[in-house]
Amino acid sequence: MSMRNEISTAMSTSKMSTLIKKTLKHKLAVLVPDWDGRVLDVPASGEVLAGPCAVVAFAEEVPKSAWAGYRRIIKISPYARPEDGGAEQVEAWSTDLIKGLHQVRLVDQAGGAFTCIYLGSSDSDRVDAGSGVVTRSLRFGVYVPEDWGTAHAETGDGWLAALQDWTQSELGSGWSVYGDVWPGGYDMPSVLWRLAGCSTSVAGTSALEVRQQWIGHVLTDHPVLTRHTVTRLARQLAVQSRLAVSETGSEEHEGNMRYITVDEVTADLQADAYLNGQIRLTLQQRIRRPGTNVPFIREIHHSKGME
């Protein structure tokens, strides 16, 4: 990377961080009216914090995720005076912050979407030496998808297109269905399908069995809707048993329709929707081995007969 590109990237990241912090400050002021809008940056050395407030500070950067994008850790520290409840008040505010931010999609002034995920408290409750107020630090991961544009979307294969088409038909036009990565400015409710792994095994004298493992992310703004949709998709995929794939990768199958089989589907309702995904799906398809000229229907009969 050239020096010019490095400077450009640093400036872009700095601008993005500024937008994220400004958006978070506004969200925190709404979540906790008791702060009366006092959501601050890290105080200067010797500065004394007075009254109920919160401090927002960026912590370490985390390596980018292939599908979730840029990641940064941010610490949010609520401060409560002893006469206002001290540690008990901090506990109550922490609960409100976790409920109001965990797996929540926020949009900055530039229209960029990002997701907050609660990662736990970084330390125990403590008393600020200068002011005597009680505080604790809550760690959130901030995830900002990169805008890959249409070029990345066009790299998806027929299996991904089949999954997306089926999901869109099942859930309707009110849902956005993505492939491979969360796009910049992603919408909710939405589903993301991404390829997690693949394998190939010999099936008879002239056929191969191709298996692909897919992960499905179901993201909504309501936990009940999320759970309902995860279980609905898992159940309907099992009932569906197979998906139609338009074969466009070779002259032999150009314009033809083939099918992939749903081999196994499981759902984890406790999994992180945005980062890890709740649905695990295995799809399989039997194809002719390269270099064989046996008609595919004979190949299947021969394979089954050998078993």
C-alpha atoms as a PDB file:
ATOM      1  CA  MET A   1       0.000   0.000   0.000  1.00  0.00           C
ATOM      2  CA  SER A   2       1.394   3.405  -0.976  1.00  0.00           C
ATOM      3  CA  MET A   3       1.906   6.233   1.492  1.00  0.00           C
ATOM      4  CA  ARG A   4      -0.942   8.154  -0.154  1.00  0.00           C
ATOM      5  CA  ASN A   5      -3.328   5.203   0.249  1.00  0.00           C
ATOM      6  CA  GLU A   6      -2.296   4.742   3.888  1.00  0.00           C
ATOM      7  CA  ILE A   7      -3.020   8.420   4.620  1.00  0.00           C
ATOM      8  CA  SER A   8      -6.357   8.201   2.801  1.00  0.00           C
ATOM      9  CA  THR A   9      -7.341   5.078   4.760  1.00  0.00           C
ATOM     10  CA  ALA A  10      -6.352   6.698   8.064  1.00  0.00           C
ATOM     11  CA  MET A  11      -8.409   9.799   7.252  1.00  0.00           C
ATOM     12  CA  SER A  12     -11.378   7.653   6.246  1.00  0.00           C
ATOM     13  CA  THR A  13     -11.159   5.626   9.473  1.00  0.00           C
ATOM     14  CA  SER A  14     -10.851   8.810  11.548  1.00  0.00           C
ATOM     15  CA  LYS A  15     -13.935  10.302   9.908  1.00  0.00           C
ATOM     16  CA  MET A  16     -15.856   7.065  10.414  1.00  0.00           C
ATOM     17  CA  SER A  17     -14.855   6.937  14.089  1.00  0.00           C
ATOM     18  CA  THR A  18     -16.028  10.527  14.585  1.00  0.00           C
ATOM     19  CA  LEU A  19     -19.409   9.745  13.033  1.00  0.00           C
ATOM     20  CA  ILE A  20     -19.775   6.591  15.132  1.00  0.00           C
ATOM     21  CA  LYS A  21     -18.982   8.378  18.390  1.00  0.00           C
ATOM     22  CA  LYS A  22     -21.369  11.231  17.592  1.00  0.00           C
ATOM     23  CA  THR A  23     -24.165   8.763  16.783  1.00  0.00           C
ATOM     24  CA  LEU A  24     -23.513   6.784  19.969  1.00  0.00           C
ATOM     25  CA  LYS A  25     -23.535   9.923  22.125  1.00  0.00           C
ATOM     26  CA  HIS A  26     -26.931  10.886  20.771  1.00  0.00           C
ATOM     27  CA  LYS A  27     -28.279   7.368  21.305  1.00  0.00           C
ATOM     28  CA  LEU A  28     -26.979   7.269  24.905  1.00  0.00           C
ATOM     29  CA  ALA A  29     -28.552  10.617  25.731  1.00  0.00           C
ATOM     30  CA  VAL A  30     -31.898   9.221  24.583  1.00  0.00           C
ATOM     31  CA  LEU A  31     -31.480   5.924  26.446  1.00  0.00           C
ATOM     32  CA  VAL A  32     -30.676   7.607  29.796  1.00  0.00           C
ATOM     33  CA  PRO A  33     -32.518  10.935  30.200  1.00  0.00           C
ATOM     34  CA  ASP A  34     -31.086  11.237  33.746  1.00  0.00           C
ATOM     35  CA  TRP A  35     -27.772  12.328  32.213  1.00  0.00           C
ATOM     36  CA  ASP A  36     -29.437  15.413  30.717  1.00  0.00           C
ATOM     37  CA  GLY A  37     -27.350  15.002  27.578  1.00  0.00           C
ATOM     38  CA  ARG A  38     -24.025  14.800  29.476  1.00  0.00           C
ATOM     39  CA  VAL A  39     -22.322  12.110  27.393  1.00  0.00           C
ATOM     40  CA  LEU A  40     -18.657  13.099  27.331  1.00  0.00           C
ATOM     41  CA  ASP A  41     -15.262  12.255  25.898  1.00  0.00           C
ATOM     42  CA  VAL A  42     -12.463  11.052  28.184  1.00  0.00           C
ATOM     43  CA  PRO A  43     -11.829  13.877  30.695  1.00  0.00           C
ATOM     44  CA  ALA A  44      -8.508  15.672  30.654  1.00  0.00           C
ATOM     45  CA  SER A  45      -5.965  14.913  33.382  1.00  0.00           C
ATOM     46  CA  GLY A  46      -7.118  16.503  36.625  1.00  0.00           C
ATOM     47  CA  GLU A  47     -10.635  17.230  35.338  1.00  0.00           C
ATOM     48  CA  VAL A  48     -13.322  16.319  37.888  1.00  0.00           C
ATOM     49  CA  LEU A  49     -16.596  14.782  36.718  1.00  0.00           C
ATOM     50  CA  ALA A  50     -19.586  16.250  38.490  1.00  0.00           C
ATOM     51  CA  GLY A  51     -23.108  14.878  38.557  1.00  0.00           C
ATOM     52  CA  PRO A  52     -24.630  11.939  36.648  1.00  0.00           C
ATOM     53  CA  CYS A  53     -23.061  11.468  33.217  1.00  0.00           C
ATOM     54  CA  ALA A  54     -21.359   8.963  30.914  1.00  0.00           C
ATOM     55  CA  VAL A  55     -17.975   8.828  29.180  1.00  0.00           C
ATOM     56  CA  VAL A  56     -17.462   7.279  25.741  1.00  0.00           C
ATOM     57  CA  ALA A  57     -13.958   6.173  24.726  1.00  0.00           C
ATOM     58  CA  PHE A  58     -12.539   4.158  21.850  1.00  0.00           C
ATOM     59  CA  ALA A  59     -10.407   1.173  22.853  1.00  0.00           C
ATOM     60  CA  GLU A  60      -8.510  -1.332  20.692  1.00  0.00           C
ATOM     61  CA  GLU A  61      -9.158  -2.044  17.042  1.00  0.00           C
ATOM     62  CA  VAL A  62      -9.955  -5.647  16.118  1.00  0.00           C
ATOM     63  CA  PRO A  63      -8.958  -7.366  12.823  1.00  0.00           C
ATOM     64  CA  LYS A  64     -11.624  -7.026  10.152  1.00  0.00           C
ATOM     65  CA  SER A  65     -14.184  -9.763   9.702  1.00  0.00           C
ATOM     66  CA  ALA A  66     -14.654 -11.165   6.191  1.00  0.00           C
ATOM     67  CA  TRP A  67     -18.422 -10.725   6.421  1.00  0.00           C
ATOM     68  CA  ALA A  68     -18.934  -8.215   9.277  1.00  0.00           C
ATOM     69  CA  GLY A  69     -16.377  -5.612   8.187  1.00  0.00           C
ATOM     70  CA  TYR A  70     -14.385  -3.122  10.279  1.00  0.00           C
ATOM     71  CA  ARG A  71     -14.452  -3.744  14.041  1.00  0.00           C
ATOM     72  CA  ARG A  72     -13.613  -1.443  16.919  1.00  0.00           C
ATOM     73  CA  ILE A  73     -14.032  -1.775  20.679  1.00  0.00           C
ATOM     74  CA  ILE A  74     -15.683   1.103  22.511  1.00  0.00           C
ATOM     75  CA  LYS A  75     -16.047   1.615  26.270  1.00  0.00           C
ATOM     76  CA  ILE A  76     -19.081   3.305  27.797  1.00  0.00           C
ATOM     77  CA  SER A  77     -18.756   4.299  31.478  1.00  0.00           C
ATOM     78  CA  PRO A  78     -21.834   5.571  33.380  1.00  0.00           C
ATOM     79  CA  TYR A  79     -21.132   7.709  36.475  1.00  0.00           C
ATOM     80  CA  ALA A  80     -23.540   7.988  39.430  1.00  0.00           C
ATOM     81  CA  ARG A  81     -23.234  10.040  42.634  1.00  0.00           C
ATOM     82  CA  PRO A  82     -23.506   8.170  45.964  1.00  0.00           C
ATOM     83  CA  GLU A  83     -26.532  10.266  46.934  1.00  0.00           C
ATOM     84  CA  ASP A  84     -28.270   9.194  43.688  1.00  0.00           C
ATOM     85  CA  GLY A  85     -27.814   5.494  44.372  1.00  0.00           C
ATOM     86  CA  GLY A  86     -24.153   4.929  43.552  1.00  0.00           C
ATOM     87  CA  ALA A  87     -23.465   1.323  42.523  1.00  0.00           C
ATOM     88  CA  GLU A  88     -27.182   0.443  42.358  1.00  0.00           C
ATOM     89  CA  GLN A  89     -27.804   3.307  39.943  1.00  0.00           C
ATOM     90  CA  VAL A  90     -24.829   2.287  37.823  1.00  0.00           C
ATOM     91  CA  GLU A  91     -26.243  -1.252  37.691  1.00  0.00           C
ATOM     92  CA  ALA A  92     -29.633   0.042  36.531  1.00  0.00           C
ATOM     93  CA  TRP A  93     -28.110   2.274  33.866  1.00  0.00           C
ATOM     94  CA  SER A  94     -25.857  -0.565  32.671  1.00  0.00           C
ATOM     95  CA  THR A  95     -28.924  -2.758  32.180  1.00  0.00           C
ATOM     96  CA  ASP A  96     -30.587  -0.008  30.131  1.00  0.00           C
ATOM     97  CA  LEU A  97     -27.461   0.427  27.993  1.00  0.00           C
ATOM     98  CA  ILE A  98     -27.083  -3.273  27.256  1.00  0.00           C
ATOM     99  CA  LYS A  99     -30.755  -3.619  26.373  1.00  0.00           C
ATOM    100  CA  GLY A 100     -30.689  -0.486  24.234  1.00  0.00           C
ATOM    101  CA  LEU A 101     -27.452  -1.192  22.331  1.00  0.00           C
ATOM    102  CA  HIS A 102     -26.776  -4.945  22.124  1.00  0.00           C
ATOM    103  CA  GLN A 103     -27.267  -6.146  18.528  1.00  0.00           C
ATOM    104  CA  VAL A 104     -28.847  -2.790  17.672  1.00  0.00           C
ATOM    105  CA  ARG A 105     -28.395  -1.248  14.227  1.00  0.00           C
ATOM    106  CA  LEU A 106     -27.575   2.469  14.253  1.00  0.00           C
ATOM    107  CA  VAL A 107     -27.214   4.881  11.334  1.00  0.00           C
ATOM    108  CA  ASP A 108     -24.820   7.836  11.323  1.00  0.00           C
ATOM    109  CA  GLN A 109     -25.318  11.215   9.653  1.00  0.00           C
ATOM    110  CA  ALA A 110     -23.672   9.982   6.451  1.00  0.00           C
ATOM    111  CA  GLY A 111     -26.173   7.113   6.146  1.00  0.00           C
ATOM    112  CA  GLY A 112     -23.698   4.415   7.155  1.00  0.00           C
ATOM    113  CA  ALA A 113     -25.097   1.569   9.260  1.00  0.00           C
ATOM    114  CA  PHE A 114     -23.217  -0.113  12.088  1.00  0.00           C
ATOM    115  CA  THR A 115     -24.070  -2.655  14.782  1.00  0.00           C
ATOM    116  CA  CYS A 116     -23.203  -2.650  18.494  1.00  0.00           C
ATOM    117  CA  ILE A 117     -22.608  -5.931  20.328  1.00  0.00           C
ATOM    118  CA  TYR A 118     -22.145  -6.086  24.097  1.00  0.00           C
ATOM    119  CA  LEU A 119     -18.875  -7.804  25.068  1.00  0.00           C
ATOM    120  CA  GLY A 120     -19.043  -7.559  28.846  1.00  0.00           C
ATOM    121  CA  SER A 121     -17.713  -5.292  31.589  1.00  0.00           C
ATOM    122  CA  SER A 122     -13.962  -4.685  31.532  1.00  0.00           C
ATOM    123  CA  ASP A 123     -13.604  -4.173  35.291  1.00  0.00           C
ATOM    124  CA  SER A 124     -15.495  -4.025  38.586  1.00  0.00           C
ATOM    125  CA  ASP A 125     -17.323  -1.011  39.982  1.00  0.00           C
ATOM    126  CA  ARG A 126     -14.943   1.642  41.212  1.00  0.00           C
ATOM    127  CA  VAL A 127     -15.039   5.074  42.836  1.00  0.00           C
ATOM    128  CA  ASP A 128     -13.541   8.004  40.949  1.00  0.00           C
ATOM    129  CA  ALA A 129     -10.839   9.444  43.206  1.00  0.00           C
ATOM    130  CA  GLY A 130     -11.450  13.065  42.253  1.00  0.00           C
ATOM    131  CA  SER A 131     -15.233  13.287  42.429  1.00  0.00           C
ATOM    132  CA  GLY A 132     -16.310  10.302  44.543  1.00  0.00           C
ATOM    133  CA  VAL A 133     -18.798   9.141  41.880  1.00  0.00           C
ATOM    134  CA  VAL A 134     -19.236   5.414  41.167  1.00  0.00           C
ATOM    135  CA  THR A 135     -18.623   3.997  37.686  1.00  0.00           C
ATOM    136  CA  ARG A 136     -17.954   0.863  35.641  1.00  0.00           C
ATOM    137  CA  SER A 137     -16.811   0.345  32.040  1.00  0.00           C
ATOM    138  CA  LEU A 138     -19.006  -1.554  29.575  1.00  0.00           C
ATOM    139  CA  ARG A 139     -17.304  -2.904  26.448  1.00  0.00           C
ATOM    140  CA  PHE A 140     -19.146  -2.928  23.124  1.00  0.00           C
ATOM    141  CA  GLY A 141     -17.932  -4.107  19.759  1.00  0.00           C
ATOM    142  CA  VAL A 142     -18.820  -1.708  16.955  1.00  0.00           C
ATOM    143  CA  TYR A 143     -19.104  -3.458  13.571  1.00  0.00           C
ATOM    144  CA  VAL A 144     -19.104  -1.418  10.360  1.00  0.00           C
ATOM    145  CA  PRO A 145     -19.716  -3.338   7.100  1.00  0.00           C
ATOM    146  CA  GLU A 146     -17.527  -2.354   4.170  1.00  0.00           C
ATOM    147  CA  ASP A 147     -19.277  -1.210   1.013  1.00  0.00           C
ATOM    148  CA  TRP A 148     -18.195  -3.877  -1.470  1.00  0.00           C
ATOM    149  CA  GLY A 149     -20.510  -2.584  -4.180  1.00  0.00           C
ATOM    150  CA  THR A 150     -22.083  -4.701  -6.920  1.00  0.00           C
ATOM    151  CA  ALA A 151     -18.782  -6.273  -8.022  1.00  0.00           C
ATOM    152  CA  HIS A 152     -18.568  -8.442  -4.907  1.00  0.00           C
ATOM    153  CA  ALA A 153     -22.236  -9.440  -5.112  1.00  0.00           C
ATOM    154  CA  GLU A 154     -21.748 -10.791  -8.649  1.00  0.00           C
ATOM    155  CA  THR A 155     -19.211 -13.383  -7.483  1.00  0.00           C
ATOM    156  CA  GLY A 156     -21.876 -15.532  -5.792  1.00  0.00           C
ATOM    157  CA  ASP A 157     -22.544 -18.992  -7.266  1.00  0.00           C
ATOM    158  CA  GLY A 158     -25.786 -20.717  -8.171  1.00  0.00           C
ATOM    159  CA  TRP A 159     -26.176 -22.320  -4.749  1.00  0.00           C
ATOM    160  CA  LEU A 160     -26.108 -18.931  -3.043  1.00  0.00           C
ATOM    161  CA  ALA A 161     -28.585 -17.515  -5.560  1.00  0.00           C
ATOM    162  CA  ALA A 162     -30.904 -20.478  -4.906  1.00  0.00           C
ATOM    163  CA  LEU A 163     -30.752 -19.886  -1.144  1.00  0.00           C
ATOM    164  CA  GLN A 164     -31.407 -16.183  -1.547  1.00  0.00           C
ATOM    165  CA  ASP A 165     -34.320 -16.703  -3.939  1.00  0.00           C
ATOM    166  CA  TRP A 166     -35.921 -19.301  -1.689  1.00  0.00           C
ATOM    167  CA  THR A 167     -35.505 -17.116   1.422  1.00  0.00           C
ATOM    168  CA  GLN A 168     -36.951 -14.049  -0.303  1.00  0.00           C
ATOM    169  CA  SER A 169     -39.946 -16.071  -1.479  1.00  0.00           C
ATOM    170  CA  GLU A 170     -40.451 -17.532   2.008  1.00  0.00           C
ATOM    171  CA  LEU A 171     -40.223 -14.230   3.931  1.00  0.00           C
ATOM    172  CA  GLY A 172     -41.609 -11.756   1.402  1.00  0.00           C
ATOM    173  CA  SER A 173     -40.615  -8.356   0.046  1.00  0.00           C
ATOM    174  CA  GLY A 174     -40.428  -6.755   3.505  1.00  0.00           C
ATOM    175  CA  TRP A 175     -37.131  -8.571   4.113  1.00  0.00           C
ATOM    176  CA  SER A 176     -33.674  -7.921   2.659  1.00  0.00           C
ATOM    177  CA  VAL A 177     -31.668 -11.041   1.774  1.00  0.00           C
ATOM    178  CA  TYR A 178     -27.895 -10.724   1.389  1.00  0.00           C
ATOM    179  CA  GLY A 179     -25.096 -13.020   0.271  1.00  0.00           C
ATOM    180  CA  ASP A 180     -21.475 -13.393   1.447  1.00  0.00           C
ATOM    181  CA  VAL A 181     -21.127 -10.140   3.445  1.00  0.00           C
ATOM    182  CA  TRP A 182     -23.201  -7.544   5.252  1.00  0.00           C
ATOM    183  CA  PRO A 183     -23.320  -4.599   2.835  1.00  0.00           C
ATOM    184  CA  GLY A 184     -22.765  -0.981   3.827  1.00  0.00           C
ATOM    185  CA  GLY A 185     -26.093   0.573   4.809  1.00  0.00           C
ATOM    186  CA  TYR A 186     -27.707  -2.850   5.342  1.00  0.00           C
ATOM    187  CA  ASP A 187     -31.414  -2.911   6.246  1.00  0.00           C
ATOM    188  CA  MET A 188     -33.476  -4.722   8.861  1.00  0.00           C
ATOM    189  CA  PRO A 189     -35.153  -7.128   8.994  1.00  0.00           C
ATOM    190  CA  SER A 190     -32.683  -9.092   6.925  1.00  0.00           C
ATOM    191  CA  VAL A 191     -31.046 -12.463   6.333  1.00  0.00           C
ATOM    192  CA  LEU A 192     -27.442 -13.077   5.310  1.00  0.00           C
ATOM    193  CA  TRP A 193     -26.262 -16.389   3.844  1.00  0.00           C
ATOM    194  CA  ARG A 194     -22.520 -17.098   3.656  1.00  0.00           C
ATOM    195  CA  LEU A 195     -20.483 -20.153   2.693  1.00  0.00           C
ATOM    196  CA  ALA A 196     -18.614 -21.678   5.651  1.00  0.00           C
ATOM    197  CA  GLY A 197     -17.030 -24.754   4.063  1.00  0.00           C
ATOM    198  CA  CYS A 198     -17.259 -27.416   1.376  1.00  0.00           C
ATOM    199  CA  SER A 199     -16.191 -30.993   0.684  1.00  0.00           C
ATOM    200  CA  THR A 200     -16.273 -33.506  -2.151  1.00  0.00           C
ATOM    201  CA  SER A 201     -16.439 -37.297  -2.026  1.00  0.00           C
ATOM    202  CA  VAL A 202     -16.587 -40.083  -4.612  1.00  0.00           C
ATOM    203  CA  ALA A 203     -20.086 -41.460  -5.198  1.00  0.00           C
ATOM    204  CA  GLY A 204     -19.883 -44.449  -7.530  1.00  0.00           C
ATOM    205  CA  THR A 205     -17.625 -44.941 -10.542  1.00  0.00           C
ATOM    206  CA  SER A 206     -18.434 -41.701 -12.359  1.00  0.00           C
ATOM    207  CA  ALA A 207     -20.017 -39.319  -9.858  1.00  0.00           C
ATOM    208  CA  LEU A 208     -18.943 -36.934  -7.156  1.00  0.00           C
ATOM    209  CA  GLU A 209     -20.977 -35.763  -4.204  1.00  0.00           C
ATOM    210  CA  VAL A 210     -20.430 -32.080  -3.437  1.00  0.00           C
ATOM    211  CA  ARG A 211     -21.381 -30.805   0.007  1.00  0.00           C
ATOM    212  CA  GLN A 212     -21.428 -27.192   1.152  1.00  0.00           C
ATOM    213  CA  GLN A 213     -21.944 -25.848   4.668  1.00  0.00           C
ATOM    214  CA  TRP A 214     -23.789 -22.534   4.875  1.00  0.00           C
ATOM    215  CA  ILE A 215     -24.461 -20.159   7.771  1.00  0.00           C
ATOM    216  CA  GLY A 216     -27.591 -18.048   7.979  1.00  0.00           C
ATOM    217  CA  HIS A 217     -27.833 -14.798   9.955  1.00  0.00           C
ATOM    218  CA  VAL A 218     -31.318 -13.526  10.846  1.00  0.00           C
ATOM    219  CA  LEU A 219     -31.250  -9.910  12.008  1.00  0.00           C
ATOM    220  CA  THR A 220     -34.301  -7.996  13.229  1.00  0.00           C
ATOM    221  CA  ASP A 221     -35.014  -5.282  15.777  1.00  0.00           C
ATOM    222  CA  HIS A 222     -37.139  -7.545  17.957  1.00  0.00           C
ATOM    223  CA  PRO A 223     -35.915 -10.750  19.686  1.00  0.00           C
ATOM    224  CA  VAL A 224     -39.272 -12.520  19.358  1.00  0.00           C
ATOM    225  CA  LEU A 225     -39.375 -11.897  15.602  1.00  0.00           C
ATOM    226  CA  THR A 226     -35.767 -13.058  15.314  1.00  0.00           C
ATOM    227  CA  ARG A 227     -36.424 -16.349  17.129  1.00  0.00           C
ATOM    228  CA  HIS A 228     -39.639 -16.960  15.191  1.00  0.00           C
ATOM    229  CA  THR A 229     -37.924 -16.382  11.844  1.00  0.00           C
ATOM    230  CA  VAL A 230     -34.913 -18.577  12.684  1.00  0.00           C
ATOM    231  CA  THR A 231     -37.135 -21.526  13.638  1.00  0.00           C
ATOM    232  CA  ARG A 232     -39.415 -20.916  10.648  1.00  0.00           C
ATOM    233  CA  LEU A 233     -36.541 -20.968   8.142  1.00  0.00           C
ATOM    234  CA  ALA A 234     -34.957 -24.046   9.732  1.00  0.00           C
ATOM    235  CA  ARG A 235     -38.277 -25.915   9.700  1.00  0.00           C
ATOM    236  CA  GLN A 236     -39.208 -24.928   6.153  1.00  0.00           C
ATOM    237  CA  LEU A 237     -35.780 -25.800   4.777  1.00  0.00           C
ATOM    238  CA  ALA A 238     -36.142 -29.275   6.265  1.00  0.00           C
ATOM    239  CA  VAL A 239     -39.603 -29.600   4.709  1.00  0.00           C
ATOM    240  CA  GLN A 240     -38.403 -28.194   1.386  1.00  0.00           C
ATOM    241  CA  SER A 241     -35.793 -30.977   1.066  1.00  0.00           C
ATOM    242  CA  ARG A 242     -34.300 -29.530  -2.154  1.00  0.00           C
ATOM    243  CA  LEU A 243     -33.728 -26.207  -3.939  1.00  0.00           C
ATOM    244  CA  ALA A 244     -33.691 -25.481  -7.655  1.00  0.00           C
ATOM    245  CA  VAL A 245     -30.400 -24.192  -9.118  1.00  0.00           C
ATOM    246  CA  SER A 246     -30.091 -22.666 -12.563  1.00  0.00           C
ATOM    247  CA  GLU A 247     -26.973 -24.167 -14.140  1.00  0.00           C
ATOM    248  CA  THR A 248     -25.129 -21.365 -15.933  1.00  0.00           C
ATOM    249  CA  GLY A 249     -21.519 -22.373 -15.287  1.00  0.00           C
ATOM    250  CA  SER A 250     -20.993 -24.658 -18.289  1.00  0.00           C
ATOM    251  CA  GLU A 251     -22.227 -25.220 -21.850  1.00  0.00           C
ATOM    252  CA  GLU A 252     -23.501 -28.654 -20.863  1.00  0.00           C
ATOM    253  CA  HIS A 253     -26.030 -27.300 -18.374  1.00  0.00           C
ATOM    254  CA  GLU A 254     -26.532 -23.795 -19.778  1.00  0.00           C
ATOM    255  CA  GLY A 255     -30.090 -22.713 -19.024  1.00  0.00           C
ATOM    256  CA  ASN A 256     -30.988 -26.044 -17.422  1.00  0.00           C
ATOM    257  CA  MET A 257     -32.372 -26.557 -13.919  1.00  0.00           C
ATOM    258  CA  ARG A 258     -30.682 -28.847 -11.437  1.00  0.00           C
ATOM    259  CA  TYR A 259     -31.385 -29.395  -7.747  1.00  0.00           C
ATOM    260  CA  ILE A 260     -29.412 -29.294  -4.535  1.00  0.00           C
ATOM    261  CA  THR A 261     -30.574 -31.353  -1.582  1.00  0.00           C
ATOM    262  CA  VAL A 262     -31.025 -30.071   1.959  1.00  0.00           C
ATOM    263  CA  ASP A 263     -29.052 -32.640   3.944  1.00  0.00           C
ATOM    264  CA  GLU A 264     -29.050 -31.144   7.449  1.00  0.00           C
ATOM    265  CA  VAL A 265     -30.232 -27.953   9.108  1.00  0.00           C
ATOM    266  CA  THR A 266     -29.850 -26.828  12.724  1.00  0.00           C
ATOM    267  CA  ALA A 267     -30.617 -23.615  14.586  1.00  0.00           C
ATOM    268  CA  ASP A 268     -28.965 -22.034  17.624  1.00  0.00           C
ATOM    269  CA  LEU A 269     -31.308 -19.409  19.070  1.00  0.00           C
ATOM    270  CA  GLN A 270     -28.605 -18.101  21.424  1.00  0.00           C
ATOM    271  CA  ALA A 271     -26.036 -17.350  18.712  1.00  0.00           C
ATOM    272  CA  ASP A 272     -25.063 -13.785  17.859  1.00  0.00           C
ATOM    273  CA  ALA A 273     -27.244 -12.845  14.891  1.00  0.00           C
ATOM    274  CA  TYR A 274     -24.945 -10.310  13.259  1.00  0.00           C
ATOM    275  CA  LEU A 275     -21.524 -11.847  13.848  1.00  0.00           C
ATOM    276  CA  ASN A 276     -21.963 -15.647  14.130  1.00  0.00           C
ATOM    277  CA  GLY A 277     -25.358 -16.488  12.618  1.00  0.00           C
ATOM    278  CA  GLN A 278     -28.013 -18.804  14.058  1.00  0.00           C
ATOM    279  CA  ILE A 279     -28.621 -21.323  11.233  1.00  0.00           C
ATOM    280  CA  ARG A 280     -26.242 -24.099  10.108  1.00  0.00           C
ATOM    281  CA  LEU A 281     -27.197 -25.673   6.796  1.00  0.00           C
ATOM    282  CA  THR A 282     -25.628 -28.464   4.728  1.00  0.00           C
ATOM    283  CA  LEU A 283     -26.515 -28.721   1.035  1.00  0.00           C
ATOM    284  CA  GLN A 284     -25.395 -31.453  -1.334  1.00  0.00           C
ATOM    285  CA  GLN A 285     -25.464 -32.275  -5.029  1.00  0.00           C
ATOM    286  CA  ARG A 286     -24.274 -35.244  -7.094  1.00  0.00           C
ATOM    287  CA  ILE A 287     -22.372 -34.315 -10.244  1.00  0.00           C
ATOM    288  CA  ARG A 288     -20.537 -36.194 -12.996  1.00  0.00           C
ATOM    289  CA  ARG A 289     -16.817 -36.711 -12.406  1.00  0.00           C
ATOM    290  CA  PRO A 290     -14.644 -34.856 -14.929  1.00  0.00           C
ATOM    291  CA  GLY A 291     -13.529 -37.070 -17.821  1.00  0.00           C
ATOM    292  CA  THR A 292     -16.426 -39.540 -17.642  1.00  0.00           C
ATOM    293  CA  ASN A 293     -18.963 -39.921 -20.428  1.00  0.00           C
ATOM    294  CA  VAL A 294     -21.493 -42.149 -18.664  1.00  0.00           C
ATOM    295  CA  PRO A 295     -24.998 -40.614 -18.855  1.00  0.00           C
ATOM    296  CA  PHE A 296     -25.844 -39.193 -15.454  1.00  0.00           C
ATOM    297  CA  ILE A 297     -29.031 -41.282 -15.014  1.00  0.00           C
ATOM    298  CA  ARG A 298     -27.022 -44.521 -15.659  1.00  0.00           C
ATOM    299  CA  GLU A 299     -24.352 -43.294 -13.265  1.00  0.00           C
ATOM    300  CA  ILE A 300     -26.883 -42.927 -10.452  1.00  0.00           C
ATOM    301  CA  HIS A 301     -28.426 -46.379 -11.092  1.00  0.00           C
ATOM    302  CA  HIS A 302     -24.966 -47.938 -11.141  1.00  0.00           C
ATOM    303  CA  SER A 303     -23.978 -46.201  -7.918  1.00  0.00           C
ATOM    304  CA  LYS A 304     -27.102 -47.285  -6.092  1.00  0.00           C
ATOM    305  CA  GLY A 305     -26.725 -50.802  -7.394  1.00  0.00           C
ATOM    306  CA  MET A 306     -23.219 -51.063  -6.037  1.00  0.00           C
ATOM    307  CA  GLU A 307     -24.422 -49.973  -2.598  1.00  0.00           C
END
